[in-house]
N, C-alpha and C. Protein backbone atom coordinates (compact mmCIF):
# COMPACT_ATOMS: atom_id res chain seq x y z
N MET A 1 12.60 -17.11 -8.70
CA MET A 1 12.80 -16.12 -7.43
C MET A 1 14.06 -15.31 -7.57
N SER A 2 14.69 -15.78 -8.41
CA SER A 2 16.13 -15.15 -8.66
C SER A 2 16.08 -13.54 -9.11
N ASN A 3 14.67 -12.95 -9.67
CA ASN A 3 14.69 -11.49 -9.99
C ASN A 3 13.85 -10.99 -9.02
N ALA A 4 13.38 -11.47 -7.92
CA ALA A 4 12.64 -10.90 -6.69
C ALA A 4 13.52 -10.14 -5.93
N GLY A 5 12.93 -9.22 -5.37
CA GLY A 5 13.54 -8.69 -4.32
C GLY A 5 13.91 -9.21 -2.95
N GLY A 6 14.72 -8.97 -2.15
CA GLY A 6 14.89 -9.52 -0.75
C GLY A 6 13.85 -9.78 0.10
N TYR A 7 12.74 -8.84 -0.06
CA TYR A 7 11.54 -9.00 0.89
C TYR A 7 10.65 -10.08 0.44
N ALA A 8 10.54 -10.15 -0.88
CA ALA A 8 9.82 -11.17 -1.43
C ALA A 8 10.34 -12.65 -1.29
N GLN A 9 11.57 -12.68 -1.50
CA GLN A 9 12.64 -13.79 -1.31
C GLN A 9 12.31 -14.30 0.12
N SER A 10 12.41 -13.41 1.07
CA SER A 10 12.22 -13.85 2.56
C SER A 10 10.69 -14.34 2.86
N LYS A 11 9.69 -13.88 2.47
CA LYS A 11 8.58 -14.17 2.39
C LYS A 11 8.44 -15.78 1.89
N TRP A 12 9.15 -15.91 0.73
CA TRP A 12 9.01 -17.26 0.17
C TRP A 12 9.70 -18.35 1.05
N VAL A 13 10.88 -17.90 1.44
CA VAL A 13 11.57 -18.71 2.32
C VAL A 13 10.76 -19.23 3.55
N SER A 14 10.14 -18.05 4.07
CA SER A 14 9.48 -18.05 5.42
C SER A 14 8.29 -19.29 5.18
N GLU A 15 7.49 -19.20 3.93
CA GLU A 15 6.52 -19.99 3.76
C GLU A 15 6.74 -21.49 3.60
N TYR A 16 8.32 -21.66 2.84
CA TYR A 16 8.44 -22.81 2.86
C TYR A 16 8.83 -23.64 4.06
N LEU A 17 9.45 -22.77 5.16
CA LEU A 17 9.88 -23.44 6.30
C LEU A 17 8.30 -23.89 7.04
N VAL A 18 7.41 -23.00 6.84
CA VAL A 18 6.20 -23.49 7.16
C VAL A 18 5.58 -24.62 6.85
N TRP A 19 5.61 -24.71 5.50
CA TRP A 19 5.24 -26.03 4.77
C TRP A 19 6.10 -27.22 5.15
N CYS A 20 7.36 -27.04 5.38
CA CYS A 20 8.25 -28.09 5.90
C CYS A 20 7.72 -28.69 7.35
N THR A 21 7.29 -27.65 8.10
CA THR A 21 7.11 -27.97 9.53
C THR A 21 5.60 -28.84 9.29
N GLY A 22 4.88 -28.23 8.58
CA GLY A 22 3.64 -28.89 8.31
C GLY A 22 3.63 -30.37 7.86
N GLN A 23 4.63 -30.61 7.00
CA GLN A 23 4.82 -32.09 6.63
C GLN A 23 5.13 -32.94 7.60
N GLN A 24 5.68 -32.45 8.79
CA GLN A 24 6.11 -32.97 9.86
C GLN A 24 5.06 -33.52 10.80
N GLY A 25 3.97 -32.94 10.76
CA GLY A 25 2.95 -33.30 11.30
C GLY A 25 2.20 -31.96 12.19
N LEU A 26 3.03 -30.96 12.08
CA LEU A 26 2.22 -29.69 12.71
C LEU A 26 1.19 -29.05 11.92
N PRO A 27 -0.09 -28.70 12.40
CA PRO A 27 -1.41 -28.24 11.54
C PRO A 27 -0.97 -26.83 11.24
N VAL A 28 -0.81 -26.49 9.85
CA VAL A 28 -0.28 -24.92 9.24
C VAL A 28 -1.49 -24.45 8.31
N VAL A 29 -1.43 -23.26 8.36
CA VAL A 29 -2.39 -22.43 7.42
C VAL A 29 -1.56 -21.17 7.32
N ILE A 30 -1.67 -20.84 5.87
CA ILE A 30 -0.98 -19.44 5.57
C ILE A 30 -1.83 -18.42 5.11
N TYR A 31 -1.85 -17.04 5.60
CA TYR A 31 -2.63 -16.26 5.18
C TYR A 31 -1.94 -15.12 4.38
N ARG A 32 -2.33 -14.79 3.11
CA ARG A 32 -1.41 -14.06 2.31
C ARG A 32 -2.29 -12.65 2.04
N PRO A 33 -2.30 -11.59 3.02
CA PRO A 33 -2.89 -10.49 2.54
C PRO A 33 -2.37 -9.79 1.42
N GLY A 34 -3.20 -8.85 0.87
CA GLY A 34 -2.77 -7.75 -0.16
C GLY A 34 -2.07 -6.62 0.56
N MET A 35 -2.10 -5.59 -0.15
CA MET A 35 -1.71 -4.42 0.42
C MET A 35 -2.43 -3.88 1.79
N ILE A 36 -1.88 -3.96 2.92
CA ILE A 36 -2.76 -3.63 4.11
C ILE A 36 -2.80 -2.42 4.26
N SER A 37 -4.03 -1.77 4.39
CA SER A 37 -4.18 -0.35 4.25
C SER A 37 -4.82 0.18 5.68
N TRP A 38 -5.36 1.36 5.65
CA TRP A 38 -5.66 2.05 6.80
C TRP A 38 -6.96 1.29 7.23
N SER A 39 -7.28 1.72 8.56
CA SER A 39 -8.36 1.17 9.23
C SER A 39 -9.86 1.89 8.57
N ILE A 40 -10.74 0.98 8.55
CA ILE A 40 -12.11 1.66 7.83
C ILE A 40 -12.74 2.13 8.91
N ILE A 41 -12.49 2.22 10.03
CA ILE A 41 -13.10 2.71 11.19
C ILE A 41 -12.80 4.14 11.55
N ASN A 42 -11.42 4.38 11.52
CA ASN A 42 -11.04 5.83 11.98
C ASN A 42 -10.06 6.25 10.95
N GLY A 43 -9.75 5.43 9.98
CA GLY A 43 -8.90 5.83 9.16
C GLY A 43 -7.30 6.16 9.02
N LYS A 44 -6.92 5.34 10.38
CA LYS A 44 -5.27 5.52 10.60
C LYS A 44 -4.76 4.41 9.92
N GLY A 45 -3.22 4.63 9.42
CA GLY A 45 -2.66 3.87 8.69
C GLY A 45 -1.32 3.59 9.23
N ASN A 46 -0.62 2.76 8.62
CA ASN A 46 0.87 2.70 8.78
C ASN A 46 1.65 3.65 8.10
N LYS A 47 2.38 4.61 8.63
CA LYS A 47 3.22 5.67 8.04
C LYS A 47 4.39 5.21 7.72
N LYS A 48 4.84 3.99 7.79
CA LYS A 48 6.16 3.71 7.11
C LYS A 48 6.01 2.75 6.01
N ASP A 49 5.13 2.36 5.57
CA ASP A 49 4.98 1.52 4.61
C ASP A 49 5.10 2.36 3.04
N TRP A 50 5.39 1.58 1.96
CA TRP A 50 5.73 2.41 0.71
C TRP A 50 4.50 3.03 0.21
N PHE A 51 3.30 2.52 0.49
CA PHE A 51 2.02 3.24 -0.05
C PHE A 51 1.97 4.55 0.44
N TYR A 52 2.14 4.62 1.88
CA TYR A 52 1.86 5.87 2.71
C TYR A 52 2.83 6.82 2.30
N ARG A 53 4.14 6.50 1.91
CA ARG A 53 5.43 7.12 1.71
C ARG A 53 4.92 7.82 0.34
N LEU A 54 4.49 6.99 -0.49
CA LEU A 54 4.06 7.63 -1.89
C LEU A 54 2.95 8.73 -1.77
N LEU A 55 2.12 8.50 -1.26
CA LEU A 55 0.99 9.58 -1.07
C LEU A 55 1.45 10.72 -0.23
N GLN A 56 2.29 10.48 0.87
CA GLN A 56 2.88 11.63 1.64
C GLN A 56 3.73 12.61 0.52
N GLY A 57 4.58 11.84 0.04
CA GLY A 57 5.61 12.45 -0.76
C GLY A 57 4.74 13.40 -2.10
N VAL A 58 3.67 12.51 -2.61
CA VAL A 58 3.05 13.36 -3.76
C VAL A 58 2.49 14.56 -3.11
N MET A 59 1.79 14.46 -1.96
CA MET A 59 1.15 15.44 -1.35
C MET A 59 2.10 16.59 -0.98
N GLU A 60 3.25 16.30 -0.61
CA GLU A 60 4.32 17.44 -0.28
C GLU A 60 4.88 17.92 -1.58
N LEU A 61 5.14 17.19 -2.72
CA LEU A 61 5.67 17.73 -3.90
C LEU A 61 4.95 18.48 -4.59
N GLY A 62 3.44 18.26 -4.89
CA GLY A 62 2.35 18.92 -5.51
C GLY A 62 2.63 18.28 -7.05
N PHE A 63 3.36 17.29 -7.33
CA PHE A 63 3.32 16.54 -8.62
C PHE A 63 3.18 15.01 -8.40
N ALA A 64 2.75 14.55 -9.37
CA ALA A 64 2.47 12.89 -9.46
C ALA A 64 2.64 12.62 -10.82
N PRO A 65 3.37 11.35 -10.99
CA PRO A 65 3.60 10.82 -12.17
C PRO A 65 2.27 10.26 -12.67
N ASP A 66 2.12 10.56 -13.95
CA ASP A 66 1.01 9.92 -14.69
C ASP A 66 0.72 8.40 -14.46
N PRO A 67 -0.29 7.91 -13.63
CA PRO A 67 -0.55 6.39 -13.24
C PRO A 67 -1.07 5.86 -14.29
N SER A 68 -1.74 6.35 -15.59
CA SER A 68 -2.28 5.68 -16.53
C SER A 68 -3.59 4.86 -15.93
N GLU A 69 -3.53 3.56 -15.97
CA GLU A 69 -4.52 2.83 -15.38
C GLU A 69 -4.32 2.14 -14.15
N ALA A 70 -3.32 2.43 -13.40
CA ALA A 70 -2.81 1.73 -12.44
C ALA A 70 -3.81 1.59 -11.33
N ALA A 71 -3.90 0.57 -10.69
CA ALA A 71 -4.85 0.63 -9.47
C ALA A 71 -4.08 -0.47 -8.34
N ILE A 72 -4.72 -0.43 -7.04
CA ILE A 72 -4.15 -0.99 -6.10
C ILE A 72 -5.26 -1.76 -5.33
N SER A 73 -4.93 -3.33 -4.98
CA SER A 73 -5.76 -3.99 -4.09
C SER A 73 -5.55 -3.63 -2.59
N LEU A 74 -6.42 -3.04 -1.84
CA LEU A 74 -6.13 -2.53 -0.45
C LEU A 74 -6.98 -3.60 0.29
N VAL A 75 -6.36 -4.05 1.62
CA VAL A 75 -7.21 -4.71 2.62
C VAL A 75 -6.96 -3.96 3.99
N PRO A 76 -8.06 -3.39 4.46
CA PRO A 76 -7.92 -2.70 5.86
C PRO A 76 -7.62 -3.38 6.85
N VAL A 77 -6.70 -3.04 7.54
CA VAL A 77 -6.21 -3.70 8.67
C VAL A 77 -7.09 -4.17 9.80
N ASP A 78 -8.05 -3.63 9.95
CA ASP A 78 -9.05 -4.14 10.94
C ASP A 78 -10.03 -5.08 10.21
N PHE A 79 -10.30 -4.85 8.93
CA PHE A 79 -11.12 -6.05 8.15
C PHE A 79 -10.07 -7.32 8.23
N LEU A 80 -8.97 -7.22 7.91
CA LEU A 80 -8.09 -8.11 7.78
C LEU A 80 -7.99 -9.15 9.06
N ALA A 81 -7.73 -8.45 10.20
CA ALA A 81 -7.55 -9.02 11.45
C ALA A 81 -8.73 -9.78 11.98
N GLN A 82 -9.92 -9.13 11.70
CA GLN A 82 -11.18 -9.85 11.87
C GLN A 82 -11.53 -11.01 11.24
N SER A 83 -11.04 -10.99 10.00
CA SER A 83 -11.29 -12.01 8.81
C SER A 83 -10.39 -13.22 9.20
N ILE A 84 -9.20 -12.92 9.73
CA ILE A 84 -8.25 -13.89 9.92
C ILE A 84 -8.74 -14.75 11.22
N CYS A 85 -9.22 -13.81 12.17
CA CYS A 85 -9.68 -14.67 13.38
C CYS A 85 -10.92 -15.33 13.15
N SER A 86 -11.82 -14.95 12.12
CA SER A 86 -12.89 -15.84 11.85
C SER A 86 -12.61 -16.95 11.04
N LEU A 87 -11.68 -17.11 10.25
CA LEU A 87 -11.43 -18.06 9.44
C LEU A 87 -10.42 -19.06 10.18
N SER A 88 -9.58 -18.77 11.04
CA SER A 88 -8.78 -19.46 11.95
C SER A 88 -9.57 -20.34 12.77
N HIS A 89 -10.83 -20.06 13.30
CA HIS A 89 -11.87 -20.61 14.12
C HIS A 89 -12.50 -21.74 13.11
N CYS A 90 -12.60 -21.41 11.74
CA CYS A 90 -13.52 -22.25 11.04
C CYS A 90 -12.41 -23.39 10.42
N VAL A 91 -11.13 -22.91 10.28
CA VAL A 91 -9.98 -24.02 9.83
C VAL A 91 -9.79 -24.94 11.11
N THR A 92 -9.89 -24.46 12.29
CA THR A 92 -9.46 -25.25 13.47
C THR A 92 -11.00 -26.32 13.62
N GLU A 93 -12.08 -25.74 13.62
CA GLU A 93 -13.27 -26.67 13.66
C GLU A 93 -13.51 -27.87 12.64
N GLN A 94 -13.02 -27.50 11.21
CA GLN A 94 -12.96 -28.40 10.26
C GLN A 94 -11.87 -29.06 10.03
N GLY A 95 -10.64 -28.90 10.55
CA GLY A 95 -9.36 -29.42 10.14
C GLY A 95 -8.93 -29.21 8.67
N ALA A 96 -9.29 -28.04 8.45
CA ALA A 96 -8.77 -27.72 7.13
C ALA A 96 -7.33 -26.95 6.97
N TRP A 97 -6.46 -27.84 7.10
CA TRP A 97 -5.08 -27.36 7.27
C TRP A 97 -4.49 -27.40 6.03
N ALA A 98 -3.35 -27.03 5.97
CA ALA A 98 -2.45 -27.04 4.75
C ALA A 98 -3.08 -26.15 3.61
N LYS A 99 -3.49 -25.15 3.94
CA LYS A 99 -4.32 -24.27 3.00
C LYS A 99 -3.39 -22.92 2.78
N VAL A 100 -3.63 -22.22 1.71
CA VAL A 100 -3.21 -20.61 1.70
C VAL A 100 -4.34 -19.92 1.39
N PHE A 101 -4.52 -18.83 2.28
CA PHE A 101 -5.77 -17.80 2.03
C PHE A 101 -5.30 -16.57 1.61
N HIS A 102 -5.85 -16.43 0.26
CA HIS A 102 -5.37 -15.23 -0.29
C HIS A 102 -6.45 -13.81 0.07
N PHE A 103 -5.89 -12.96 0.64
CA PHE A 103 -6.97 -11.75 0.89
C PHE A 103 -6.64 -10.82 -0.32
N ASP A 104 -7.12 -10.80 -1.44
CA ASP A 104 -6.84 -9.98 -2.42
C ASP A 104 -8.31 -9.30 -2.74
N ASN A 105 -8.39 -7.97 -2.32
CA ASN A 105 -9.76 -7.25 -2.58
C ASN A 105 -9.69 -6.96 -4.00
N PRO A 106 -11.01 -7.50 -4.52
CA PRO A 106 -11.24 -7.43 -5.96
C PRO A 106 -11.64 -5.68 -6.44
N ASN A 107 -11.96 -5.16 -5.14
CA ASN A 107 -12.67 -3.71 -5.27
C ASN A 107 -11.47 -2.96 -5.35
N LYS A 108 -10.63 -2.87 -6.69
CA LYS A 108 -9.19 -2.03 -6.48
C LYS A 108 -9.57 -0.63 -6.58
N LEU A 109 -8.68 0.37 -6.15
CA LEU A 109 -8.77 1.73 -5.80
C LEU A 109 -7.58 2.27 -6.97
N SER A 110 -8.13 2.97 -7.86
CA SER A 110 -7.35 3.53 -9.00
C SER A 110 -6.36 4.85 -8.50
N PHE A 111 -5.05 4.71 -8.85
CA PHE A 111 -4.15 5.91 -8.49
C PHE A 111 -4.80 7.19 -9.04
N LYS A 112 -5.63 7.12 -10.07
CA LYS A 112 -6.10 8.24 -10.61
C LYS A 112 -7.05 8.92 -9.50
N SER A 113 -8.10 8.10 -8.96
CA SER A 113 -8.97 8.57 -7.86
C SER A 113 -8.26 9.13 -6.65
N MET A 114 -7.04 8.29 -6.22
CA MET A 114 -6.38 8.88 -5.07
C MET A 114 -5.76 10.24 -5.36
N PHE A 115 -5.24 10.36 -6.61
CA PHE A 115 -4.53 11.58 -6.89
C PHE A 115 -5.64 12.62 -7.05
N ARG A 116 -6.91 12.47 -7.32
CA ARG A 116 -8.11 13.44 -7.43
C ARG A 116 -8.26 13.98 -6.02
N SER A 117 -8.31 13.12 -4.96
CA SER A 117 -8.59 13.33 -3.75
C SER A 117 -7.26 14.19 -3.07
N ILE A 118 -6.24 13.91 -3.43
CA ILE A 118 -5.02 14.62 -2.97
C ILE A 118 -5.26 15.98 -3.69
N ASP A 119 -5.39 16.25 -4.78
CA ASP A 119 -5.71 17.37 -5.58
C ASP A 119 -6.63 18.13 -4.65
N ALA A 120 -7.77 17.78 -4.53
CA ALA A 120 -8.70 18.49 -3.66
C ALA A 120 -8.47 18.68 -2.38
N PHE A 121 -7.72 18.02 -1.55
CA PHE A 121 -7.19 18.35 -0.19
C PHE A 121 -6.35 19.57 -0.49
N ARG A 122 -5.28 19.66 -1.29
CA ARG A 122 -4.51 20.62 -1.52
C ARG A 122 -5.10 21.87 -1.59
N SER A 123 -6.11 21.75 -2.66
CA SER A 123 -6.95 23.00 -3.06
C SER A 123 -7.54 23.79 -1.96
N ALA A 124 -8.33 22.59 -1.06
CA ALA A 124 -8.98 23.12 -0.02
C ALA A 124 -7.84 23.63 1.18
N HIS A 125 -6.74 23.38 1.13
CA HIS A 125 -5.88 24.12 2.23
C HIS A 125 -5.03 25.10 1.54
N ASN A 126 -5.53 25.77 0.59
CA ASN A 126 -4.74 27.10 -0.02
C ASN A 126 -3.42 26.83 -0.57
N GLN A 127 -3.23 25.34 -1.09
CA GLN A 127 -2.17 25.10 -2.02
C GLN A 127 -2.33 24.86 -3.66
N THR A 128 -1.43 24.98 -4.09
CA THR A 128 -1.82 24.77 -5.58
C THR A 128 -2.35 23.38 -5.62
N GLY A 129 -3.05 23.03 -6.92
CA GLY A 129 -3.60 21.70 -7.24
C GLY A 129 -2.58 21.00 -7.59
N LEU A 130 -2.69 19.56 -7.34
CA LEU A 130 -1.81 18.28 -7.98
C LEU A 130 -1.62 18.43 -9.35
N GLN A 131 -0.34 18.69 -9.72
CA GLN A 131 -0.27 18.49 -11.06
C GLN A 131 0.23 16.90 -11.54
N ILE A 132 -0.50 16.36 -12.60
CA ILE A 132 -0.14 15.05 -13.04
C ILE A 132 0.79 15.18 -14.33
N VAL A 133 2.00 14.65 -14.22
CA VAL A 133 2.81 14.98 -15.42
C VAL A 133 3.57 13.58 -15.81
N PRO A 134 4.15 13.45 -17.04
CA PRO A 134 4.74 12.22 -17.25
C PRO A 134 5.71 11.84 -16.22
N TYR A 135 6.34 10.55 -16.23
CA TYR A 135 7.28 10.23 -15.25
C TYR A 135 8.30 10.86 -15.40
N GLU A 136 9.04 11.13 -16.56
CA GLU A 136 10.36 11.84 -16.63
C GLU A 136 10.28 13.08 -15.95
N VAL A 137 9.10 13.90 -16.32
CA VAL A 137 8.99 15.11 -15.72
C VAL A 137 9.17 15.16 -14.17
N TRP A 138 8.15 14.19 -13.69
CA TRP A 138 8.00 14.13 -12.36
C TRP A 138 9.25 13.77 -11.66
N TRP A 139 10.25 12.87 -12.24
CA TRP A 139 11.45 12.41 -11.59
C TRP A 139 12.26 13.64 -11.57
N ARG A 140 12.50 14.45 -12.53
CA ARG A 140 13.45 15.59 -12.73
C ARG A 140 12.76 16.56 -11.70
N THR A 141 11.50 16.70 -11.41
CA THR A 141 10.96 17.80 -10.44
C THR A 141 11.35 17.28 -8.89
N LEU A 142 11.26 16.11 -8.83
CA LEU A 142 11.53 15.42 -7.37
C LEU A 142 12.98 15.49 -7.18
N GLN A 143 13.88 15.33 -8.04
CA GLN A 143 15.47 15.54 -7.96
C GLN A 143 15.63 17.00 -7.56
N SER A 144 15.17 17.87 -8.47
CA SER A 144 15.20 19.31 -8.41
C SER A 144 14.97 19.77 -6.78
N GLU A 145 13.57 19.52 -6.43
CA GLU A 145 13.01 19.90 -5.00
C GLU A 145 14.01 19.24 -3.92
N ILE A 146 14.51 18.15 -4.04
CA ILE A 146 15.39 17.51 -2.90
C ILE A 146 16.70 18.37 -2.85
N ARG A 147 17.10 18.66 -4.00
CA ARG A 147 18.51 19.62 -4.02
C ARG A 147 18.06 20.96 -3.44
N THR A 148 17.11 21.57 -3.90
CA THR A 148 16.53 22.86 -3.21
C THR A 148 16.44 22.79 -1.86
N SER A 149 15.86 21.68 -1.34
CA SER A 149 15.51 21.69 0.09
C SER A 149 16.67 21.35 1.02
N GLN A 150 17.67 20.63 0.39
CA GLN A 150 18.92 20.39 1.03
C GLN A 150 19.87 21.77 1.22
N SER A 151 19.75 22.78 0.52
CA SER A 151 20.23 23.99 0.42
C SER A 151 19.36 25.17 0.99
N SER A 152 18.22 24.77 1.44
CA SER A 152 17.36 25.89 1.97
C SER A 152 17.82 26.33 3.24
N SER A 153 17.34 27.74 3.43
CA SER A 153 17.64 28.51 4.59
C SER A 153 16.87 28.60 5.68
N HIS A 154 15.68 27.37 5.40
CA HIS A 154 14.96 27.08 6.60
C HIS A 154 15.58 26.46 7.73
N SER A 155 15.06 26.26 8.86
CA SER A 155 15.65 25.60 10.03
C SER A 155 15.85 24.18 9.53
N ILE A 156 16.81 23.61 10.42
CA ILE A 156 17.25 22.30 10.17
C ILE A 156 16.13 21.46 10.28
N GLU A 157 15.22 21.65 11.36
CA GLU A 157 13.85 20.72 11.54
C GLU A 157 12.94 20.78 10.44
N HIS A 158 12.82 22.26 9.89
CA HIS A 158 11.84 22.11 8.58
C HIS A 158 12.43 21.44 7.34
N ARG A 159 13.75 21.58 7.03
CA ARG A 159 14.45 20.75 6.07
C ARG A 159 14.34 19.47 5.98
N ASN A 160 14.61 18.85 7.22
CA ASN A 160 14.70 17.28 7.56
C ASN A 160 13.34 16.91 7.45
N GLU A 161 12.17 17.81 7.79
CA GLU A 161 10.96 17.04 7.64
C GLU A 161 10.39 17.17 6.39
N ARG A 162 10.77 18.23 5.36
CA ARG A 162 10.49 18.21 3.91
C ARG A 162 11.30 17.12 3.27
N LEU A 163 12.63 16.94 3.68
CA LEU A 163 13.46 15.90 2.87
C LEU A 163 12.87 14.48 3.42
N ASP A 164 12.45 14.18 4.41
CA ASP A 164 12.07 13.00 4.85
C ASP A 164 10.69 12.64 4.09
N LYS A 165 9.87 13.49 3.74
CA LYS A 165 8.57 13.27 3.03
C LYS A 165 8.90 13.03 1.56
N LEU A 166 9.75 13.81 1.08
CA LEU A 166 10.18 13.66 -0.31
C LEU A 166 11.12 12.57 -0.67
N SER A 167 11.71 11.95 0.24
CA SER A 167 12.74 11.14 0.15
C SER A 167 12.06 9.62 -0.13
N GLY A 168 10.77 9.63 0.46
CA GLY A 168 10.14 8.42 0.20
C GLY A 168 9.60 8.08 -1.19
N LEU A 169 9.83 9.08 -2.02
CA LEU A 169 9.43 8.83 -3.50
C LEU A 169 10.54 8.47 -4.24
N LEU A 170 11.66 8.45 -3.72
CA LEU A 170 12.93 7.91 -4.36
C LEU A 170 12.84 6.32 -4.50
N LEU A 171 11.91 5.65 -3.80
CA LEU A 171 11.54 4.33 -4.12
C LEU A 171 10.92 3.99 -5.47
N PHE A 172 10.15 5.00 -5.83
CA PHE A 172 9.50 4.80 -7.15
C PHE A 172 10.23 5.07 -8.52
N THR A 173 11.49 4.45 -8.60
CA THR A 173 12.31 4.72 -9.77
C THR A 173 11.64 4.53 -11.24
N GLY A 174 10.34 3.71 -10.95
CA GLY A 174 9.76 3.27 -12.25
C GLY A 174 8.34 3.62 -12.31
N GLY A 175 7.86 4.67 -11.40
CA GLY A 175 6.59 5.14 -11.44
C GLY A 175 5.85 4.40 -10.43
N VAL A 176 4.37 4.48 -10.38
CA VAL A 176 3.61 3.75 -9.52
C VAL A 176 3.56 2.52 -9.76
N PRO A 177 3.06 1.42 -8.94
CA PRO A 177 3.13 0.19 -9.58
C PRO A 177 1.79 -0.16 -10.48
N ALA A 178 2.16 -1.00 -11.58
CA ALA A 178 1.02 -1.09 -12.32
C ALA A 178 -0.02 -2.07 -11.86
N ASP A 179 0.13 -3.02 -11.09
CA ASP A 179 -0.52 -4.02 -10.60
C ASP A 179 -0.24 -4.57 -9.17
N THR A 180 -1.19 -4.80 -8.16
CA THR A 180 -0.88 -5.36 -6.98
C THR A 180 -1.75 -6.74 -6.63
N THR A 181 -1.95 -7.36 -7.69
CA THR A 181 -2.76 -8.64 -7.45
C THR A 181 -1.96 -9.52 -6.71
N CYS A 182 -2.44 -10.38 -5.57
CA CYS A 182 -1.76 -11.45 -5.33
C CYS A 182 -2.06 -12.75 -6.25
N TYR A 183 -1.25 -13.26 -6.90
CA TYR A 183 -1.35 -14.57 -7.66
C TYR A 183 -1.61 -15.77 -7.06
N GLY A 184 -2.57 -16.60 -7.29
CA GLY A 184 -2.63 -17.84 -6.70
C GLY A 184 -1.72 -18.81 -6.77
N VAL A 185 -1.46 -19.90 -6.04
CA VAL A 185 -0.62 -20.99 -6.00
C VAL A 185 -1.28 -22.27 -5.94
N GLN A 186 -0.80 -23.41 -6.08
CA GLN A 186 -1.17 -24.53 -5.76
C GLN A 186 -1.64 -24.67 -4.28
N ASN A 187 -2.98 -25.40 -4.20
CA ASN A 187 -3.48 -25.82 -2.78
C ASN A 187 -3.88 -24.25 -2.39
N SER A 188 -4.16 -23.11 -2.95
CA SER A 188 -4.58 -21.74 -2.47
C SER A 188 -6.03 -21.78 -2.56
N ILE A 189 -6.75 -20.98 -1.59
CA ILE A 189 -8.08 -20.85 -1.84
C ILE A 189 -8.23 -19.37 -1.78
N ASN A 190 -8.98 -18.65 -2.75
CA ASN A 190 -9.25 -17.37 -2.88
C ASN A 190 -10.55 -17.11 -1.91
N ILE A 191 -10.66 -16.27 -1.35
CA ILE A 191 -11.65 -16.29 -0.23
C ILE A 191 -13.03 -15.66 -1.01
N GLY A 192 -13.81 -16.18 -1.66
CA GLY A 192 -14.80 -15.58 -2.33
C GLY A 192 -15.94 -15.47 -1.37
N LYS A 193 -16.18 -16.00 -0.38
CA LYS A 193 -17.28 -15.78 0.59
C LYS A 193 -17.17 -14.40 1.53
N ILE A 194 -16.01 -13.89 1.59
CA ILE A 194 -15.83 -12.99 2.31
C ILE A 194 -16.04 -11.60 1.57
N ARG A 195 -16.79 -10.62 2.02
CA ARG A 195 -17.02 -9.35 1.41
C ARG A 195 -16.36 -8.35 1.61
N PHE A 196 -15.27 -8.21 0.60
CA PHE A 196 -14.27 -6.99 0.77
C PHE A 196 -15.07 -5.84 0.83
N PRO A 197 -14.46 -4.62 1.58
CA PRO A 197 -14.95 -3.49 1.41
C PRO A 197 -14.70 -2.72 0.16
N LEU A 198 -15.62 -1.93 -0.09
CA LEU A 198 -15.59 -1.19 -1.51
C LEU A 198 -14.98 0.19 -1.13
N PHE A 199 -13.83 0.29 -1.70
CA PHE A 199 -13.13 1.69 -1.45
C PHE A 199 -13.76 2.67 -2.58
N THR A 200 -14.04 3.73 -1.92
CA THR A 200 -14.57 4.93 -2.98
C THR A 200 -13.80 6.18 -2.82
N ASP A 201 -14.18 7.26 -3.56
CA ASP A 201 -13.50 8.38 -3.52
C ASP A 201 -13.65 9.12 -1.94
N GLU A 202 -15.15 8.84 -1.35
CA GLU A 202 -15.19 9.26 -0.11
C GLU A 202 -14.34 8.65 0.91
N SER A 203 -14.20 7.46 0.82
CA SER A 203 -13.58 6.67 1.79
C SER A 203 -12.15 7.13 1.90
N PHE A 204 -11.62 7.19 0.52
CA PHE A 204 -10.11 7.56 0.56
C PHE A 204 -9.77 9.05 0.98
N ALA A 205 -10.78 10.09 0.59
CA ALA A 205 -10.63 11.27 1.30
C ALA A 205 -10.81 11.28 2.65
N LYS A 206 -11.47 10.35 3.51
CA LYS A 206 -11.46 10.49 4.79
C LYS A 206 -10.17 10.17 5.36
N PHE A 207 -9.55 9.23 4.69
CA PHE A 207 -8.23 8.74 5.00
C PHE A 207 -7.25 9.91 5.00
N VAL A 208 -7.32 10.60 3.83
CA VAL A 208 -6.56 11.80 3.50
C VAL A 208 -6.72 12.90 4.73
N SER A 209 -7.83 13.03 4.87
CA SER A 209 -8.30 14.17 5.84
C SER A 209 -7.57 13.95 7.19
N VAL A 210 -7.68 12.66 7.62
CA VAL A 210 -7.22 12.03 8.83
C VAL A 210 -5.66 12.07 9.04
N GLU A 211 -5.13 11.64 7.96
CA GLU A 211 -3.47 11.58 7.94
C GLU A 211 -2.91 12.57 7.75
N PHE A 212 -3.38 13.61 7.10
CA PHE A 212 -2.48 14.80 6.38
C PHE A 212 -3.06 15.99 6.99
N ASN A 213 -4.08 16.03 7.93
CA ASN A 213 -4.54 17.46 8.71
C ASN A 213 -3.48 17.79 9.68
């Protein structure tokens, strides 16, 4: 854990405290979702998480770092909520306490696929297509655009809005994540009987049209 960030460390500590409580007799279960994504019903998502900030920034910048074969495991928020409710009833009825349930969607969505949808959206809205470039080129382009926006003659509101969208990309100093799999631990159960949603280019395009129109 010494190399993990504060967020990951806080989750580890929280789970440890839960297990300690369980050892004292309180029935406990831990649910570990993967990357929680937009609703499969209406396409709405969390605009504050790193995944959304990445997509928003790429959409604004018009450039994306070459993702190679990187993909992400997404768990729709409404699917997750329904699954946890169903599992909690089963756990209670069967007394299956002291378990860890991993919600790791095996149907991963590639960043190449997502960038294709963003490219199509930009082209459909009379913007230049999305350019996929090496990470070093992308990072220099981002830095240059931020400096340009800071000295822009546009209104303060316009400058701040653009800077807010671009600044989210500063989180990705090493490019897009290579893998987002949730790895198993002792006493964990991968939820094989639950049928995870299959993300397609069409479903992601729906999310883009809802969030960026």
